[in-house]
Amino acid sequence: MDTVDTLAPDTPLADQSLGQIAVALPGATALFRRLKLDFCCGGQVSLRAAAEARGLDLPALLAELAKLERDDTAPAESQPGALIDHILQRYHQVHREQLPELIRMARRVQAVHRDHPQVPVGLAEHLETMEVELLEHMAKEETVLFPMIKAGPPPFVVHPIGVMRNEHLQHGEALERLMALTQDATPPDGACNTWRALYAGIAQLSDDLIQHIHLENNLLFPQFEPASAAAAGCGCSGH
């Protein structure tokens, strides 16, 4: 089992182990699972060797892994349309990819390690609740608020923005619960690669959701509401 949580900068990705990649690159686990590459018990095998053993196209596999790298550069505040497009691609799309895989791994960790004193009891269920709430929230933005803003927001746009701000507070509370369940996304000593990859993915989800809410609360929404409403905050407490 690997014990390194970061990629070696001087070693080609193809020569690093499946376990290292799974933990250091959230999202890789879904790809490995689809290709039947064992990153947990067989995580010490290099990507190159694993691809060769299964007859996989290594350059194509590396290209798919490269797509998991995220571009966090947001457009200028004065371009609401471009900022919305960035939020949709960088956060809405990514949340939809993140949560099902995290839920799957959480179920596995809870089942396989149910007797471990630090097993995160209730984690899968909490992630499922977060997924439902986030999907509903994003659907409201995509079908109502964002098209309204892009079309030239009417005076009553402050009301749907207020609804989104309130839901952001609920997301912040859900993140606090998520961090409590996972000891701030810190796996126990000796945790398997699946457990470590799960917590690495949860850490990324937390960072992504906080940044997502920040862009909306502090950059996008204040352009269309009174200054007093913009001072409400995001409720994430920096977690």
Protein backbone atom coordinates (compact mmCIF):
# COMPACT_ATOMS: atom_id res chain seq x y z
CA MET A 1 0.00 0.00 0.00
CA ASP A 2 1.26 3.48 -0.88
CA THR A 3 1.87 6.00 1.87
CA VAL A 4 2.64 9.02 -0.33
CA ASP A 5 -0.18 11.51 -0.90
CA THR A 6 1.51 13.66 -3.54
CA LEU A 7 2.93 13.02 -6.98
CA ALA A 8 6.69 13.01 -7.44
CA PRO A 9 7.44 16.14 -9.54
CA ASP A 10 10.56 14.68 -11.16
CA THR A 11 8.95 11.37 -12.13
CA PRO A 12 6.77 11.00 -15.25
CA LEU A 13 3.14 10.36 -14.35
CA ALA A 14 3.25 7.07 -16.25
CA ASP A 15 5.92 5.78 -13.86
CA GLN A 16 4.08 6.72 -10.67
CA SER A 17 1.88 4.23 -8.87
CA LEU A 18 -1.86 3.90 -9.27
CA GLY A 19 -2.25 4.49 -5.54
CA GLN A 20 -0.30 7.76 -5.61
CA ILE A 21 -2.27 9.03 -8.59
CA ALA A 22 -5.62 8.03 -7.07
CA VAL A 23 -4.90 9.97 -3.89
CA ALA A 24 -3.17 13.00 -5.41
CA LEU A 25 -5.53 13.50 -8.35
CA PRO A 26 -9.18 13.48 -7.24
CA GLY A 27 -11.34 12.08 -10.01
CA ALA A 28 -8.76 9.50 -11.07
CA THR A 29 -10.51 6.79 -9.07
CA ALA A 30 -13.58 6.90 -11.32
CA LEU A 31 -11.37 6.52 -14.39
CA PHE A 32 -9.37 3.67 -12.83
CA ARG A 33 -12.56 1.91 -11.76
CA ARG A 34 -14.02 2.20 -15.27
CA LEU A 35 -10.84 0.70 -16.74
CA LYS A 36 -10.63 -1.96 -14.01
CA LEU A 37 -7.27 -0.71 -12.72
CA ASP A 38 -6.84 -1.73 -9.07
CA PHE A 39 -5.62 1.38 -7.23
CA CYS A 40 -6.35 0.01 -3.76
CA CYS A 41 -4.87 -3.43 -3.10
CA GLY A 42 -2.81 -3.24 -6.30
CA GLY A 43 -1.96 0.42 -5.88
CA GLN A 44 1.80 -0.10 -5.84
CA VAL A 45 1.85 -0.92 -9.59
CA SER A 46 2.92 1.92 -11.91
CA LEU A 47 0.42 3.39 -14.34
CA ARG A 48 2.63 2.26 -17.22
CA ALA A 49 2.77 -1.34 -16.01
CA ALA A 50 -0.94 -1.44 -15.23
CA ALA A 51 -1.83 -0.09 -18.67
CA GLU A 52 0.47 -2.59 -20.36
CA ALA A 53 -0.99 -5.48 -18.35
CA ARG A 54 -4.52 -4.59 -19.44
CA GLY A 55 -3.61 -3.66 -23.01
CA LEU A 56 -4.61 -0.02 -22.55
CA ASP A 57 -3.42 2.91 -24.67
CA LEU A 58 -1.06 4.74 -22.28
CA PRO A 59 -1.05 8.12 -24.13
CA ALA A 60 -4.86 8.10 -24.20
CA LEU A 61 -4.94 7.25 -20.50
CA LEU A 62 -2.53 10.08 -19.69
CA ALA A 63 -4.68 12.47 -21.75
CA GLU A 64 -7.76 11.50 -19.72
CA LEU A 65 -5.88 12.09 -16.47
CA ALA A 66 -4.72 15.48 -17.75
CA LYS A 67 -8.36 16.52 -18.13
CA LEU A 68 -8.78 16.20 -14.38
CA GLU A 69 -6.50 19.20 -13.81
CA ARG A 70 -8.74 22.17 -13.01
CA ASP A 71 -8.41 25.75 -14.25
CA ASP A 72 -9.33 28.02 -11.34
CA THR A 73 -8.70 31.31 -13.16
CA ALA A 74 -11.96 33.26 -12.97
CA PRO A 75 -12.93 35.95 -15.52
CA ALA A 76 -12.96 39.60 -14.51
CA GLU A 77 -15.67 40.69 -12.10
CA SER A 78 -17.05 43.10 -14.69
CA GLN A 79 -17.97 40.26 -17.06
CA PRO A 80 -20.97 38.52 -15.43
CA GLY A 81 -21.72 36.38 -18.50
CA ALA A 82 -18.18 35.02 -18.64
CA LEU A 83 -18.15 34.52 -14.86
CA ILE A 84 -21.36 32.52 -15.06
CA ASP A 85 -19.93 30.34 -17.83
CA HIS A 86 -16.83 29.73 -15.70
CA ILE A 87 -18.97 28.77 -12.69
CA LEU A 88 -21.03 26.37 -14.80
CA GLN A 89 -18.02 24.61 -16.29
CA ARG A 90 -15.56 24.69 -13.40
CA TYR A 91 -17.95 24.09 -10.50
CA HIS A 92 -21.44 22.93 -11.51
CA GLN A 93 -20.09 20.32 -13.92
CA VAL A 94 -17.35 19.24 -11.51
CA HIS A 95 -19.73 18.86 -8.54
CA ARG A 96 -21.88 16.56 -10.67
CA GLU A 97 -18.81 14.42 -11.37
CA GLN A 98 -17.39 14.54 -7.83
CA LEU A 99 -20.31 13.51 -5.68
CA PRO A 100 -21.36 10.15 -7.20
CA GLU A 101 -17.78 8.88 -7.01
CA LEU A 102 -17.32 10.14 -3.44
CA ILE A 103 -20.57 8.46 -2.41
CA ARG A 104 -19.45 5.19 -4.00
CA MET A 105 -16.09 5.28 -2.20
CA ALA A 106 -17.70 6.28 1.10
CA ARG A 107 -20.04 3.30 0.93
CA ARG A 108 -17.09 1.01 0.27
CA VAL A 109 -15.00 2.42 3.11
CA GLN A 110 -17.93 2.21 5.54
CA ALA A 111 -18.58 -1.40 4.53
CA VAL A 112 -15.00 -2.72 4.35
CA HIS A 113 -13.74 -0.89 7.45
CA ARG A 114 -16.92 -0.97 9.53
CA ASP A 115 -14.99 -2.28 12.56
CA HIS A 116 -12.33 0.43 12.40
CA PRO A 117 -12.71 2.93 15.28
CA GLN A 118 -12.33 5.88 12.89
CA VAL A 119 -14.67 4.69 10.16
CA PRO A 120 -16.80 7.71 9.08
CA VAL A 121 -20.23 6.38 10.04
CA GLY A 122 -22.95 8.22 8.12
CA LEU A 123 -20.58 9.75 5.58
CA ALA A 124 -22.18 8.22 2.49
CA GLU A 125 -25.63 9.28 3.66
CA HIS A 126 -24.45 12.82 4.30
CA LEU A 127 -22.84 13.03 0.87
CA GLU A 128 -26.08 11.77 -0.68
CA THR A 129 -27.98 14.56 1.07
CA MET A 130 -25.42 17.11 -0.12
CA GLU A 131 -25.76 15.81 -3.67
CA VAL A 132 -29.56 16.20 -3.65
CA GLU A 133 -29.35 19.72 -2.22
CA LEU A 134 -26.59 20.83 -4.60
CA LEU A 135 -28.33 19.42 -7.67
CA GLU A 136 -31.53 21.27 -6.76
CA HIS A 137 -29.61 24.48 -6.06
CA MET A 138 -27.63 24.34 -9.29
CA ALA A 139 -30.76 23.58 -11.31
CA LYS A 140 -32.39 26.78 -9.96
CA GLU A 141 -29.35 28.80 -10.97
CA GLU A 142 -29.12 27.21 -14.41
CA THR A 143 -32.80 27.46 -15.31
CA VAL A 144 -33.85 30.68 -13.57
CA LEU A 145 -31.21 32.98 -12.10
CA PHE A 146 -28.33 32.74 -14.56
CA PRO A 147 -30.49 33.10 -17.72
CA MET A 148 -32.19 36.06 -16.03
CA ILE A 149 -28.86 37.76 -15.36
CA LYS A 150 -27.55 37.08 -18.86
CA ALA A 151 -30.72 38.47 -20.45
CA GLY A 152 -30.47 41.73 -18.51
CA PRO A 153 -31.63 41.30 -14.92
CA PRO A 154 -35.03 42.77 -13.93
CA PRO A 155 -35.43 44.71 -10.67
CA PHE A 156 -36.79 41.66 -8.83
CA VAL A 157 -33.59 39.66 -9.46
CA VAL A 158 -32.64 40.54 -5.86
CA HIS A 159 -35.21 38.01 -4.61
CA PRO A 160 -33.83 34.89 -6.36
CA ILE A 161 -30.32 36.03 -5.44
CA GLY A 162 -31.45 36.16 -1.80
CA VAL A 163 -32.76 32.61 -2.07
CA MET A 164 -29.41 31.45 -3.44
CA ARG A 165 -27.55 33.22 -0.63
CA ASN A 166 -29.69 31.46 1.97
CA GLU A 167 -29.03 28.10 0.34
CA HIS A 168 -25.31 28.89 0.35
CA LEU A 169 -25.54 29.18 4.14
CA GLN A 170 -27.01 25.67 4.21
CA HIS A 171 -24.19 24.40 2.01
CA GLY A 172 -21.72 25.93 4.48
CA GLU A 173 -23.37 24.03 7.34
CA ALA A 174 -23.22 20.81 5.29
CA LEU A 175 -19.48 21.36 4.73
CA GLU A 176 -18.92 21.80 8.47
CA ARG A 177 -20.70 18.48 9.07
CA LEU A 178 -18.62 16.86 6.31
CA MET A 179 -15.37 18.00 7.92
CA ALA A 180 -16.54 16.79 11.34
CA LEU A 181 -17.33 13.33 9.96
CA THR A 182 -13.88 13.03 8.35
CA GLN A 183 -11.64 14.75 10.91
CA ASP A 184 -11.05 17.57 8.42
CA ALA A 185 -10.55 15.05 5.60
CA THR A 186 -7.61 13.45 7.45
CA PRO A 187 -7.41 9.67 6.97
CA PRO A 188 -6.18 7.52 9.86
CA ASP A 189 -2.72 6.02 9.91
CA GLY A 190 -2.54 2.95 7.72
CA ALA A 191 -5.66 3.84 5.73
CA CYS A 192 -6.01 2.03 2.42
CA ASN A 193 -5.73 3.89 -0.88
CA THR A 194 -9.52 3.99 -1.30
CA TRP A 195 -9.96 5.68 2.09
CA ARG A 196 -7.16 8.14 1.36
CA ALA A 197 -8.51 8.88 -2.14
CA LEU A 198 -11.96 9.41 -0.65
CA TYR A 199 -10.67 12.01 1.79
CA ALA A 200 -8.55 13.70 -0.88
CA GLY A 201 -11.69 13.98 -3.01
CA ILE A 202 -13.65 15.36 -0.07
CA ALA A 203 -10.96 17.98 0.52
CA GLN A 204 -11.22 19.02 -3.12
CA LEU A 205 -15.03 19.10 -2.94
CA SER A 206 -14.81 21.36 0.10
CA ASP A 207 -12.30 23.71 -1.55
CA ASP A 208 -14.32 23.77 -4.78
CA LEU A 209 -17.63 24.47 -3.07
CA ILE A 210 -16.16 27.26 -0.95
CA GLN A 211 -14.62 28.89 -4.03
CA HIS A 212 -17.87 28.38 -5.97
CA ILE A 213 -19.87 30.15 -3.28
CA HIS A 214 -17.26 32.90 -3.00
CA LEU A 215 -17.45 33.72 -6.71
CA GLU A 216 -21.22 34.00 -6.57
CA ASN A 217 -21.62 35.75 -3.21
CA ASN A 218 -18.71 38.16 -3.50
CA LEU A 219 -18.21 38.75 -7.23
CA LEU A 220 -21.36 37.95 -9.20
CA PHE A 221 -24.32 38.73 -6.95
CA PRO A 222 -23.16 42.14 -5.60
CA GLN A 223 -23.38 43.53 -9.16
CA PHE A 224 -27.16 43.13 -9.07
CA GLU A 225 -28.20 43.87 -5.49
CA PRO A 226 -27.95 46.63 -2.87
CA ALA A 227 -24.71 46.79 -0.90
CA SER A 228 -26.52 45.74 2.32
CA ALA A 229 -27.51 42.38 0.82
CA ALA A 230 -24.00 41.70 -0.43
CA ALA A 231 -22.66 41.86 3.13
CA ALA A 232 -24.49 38.68 4.16
CA GLY A 233 -21.43 36.40 3.76
CA CYS A 234 -21.25 32.81 2.61
CA GLY A 235 -21.49 30.93 5.89
CA CYS A 236 -18.60 28.58 5.06
CA SER A 237 -16.36 29.75 7.93
CA GLY A 238 -13.38 29.05 5.71
CA HIS A 239 -13.72 25.25 6.12
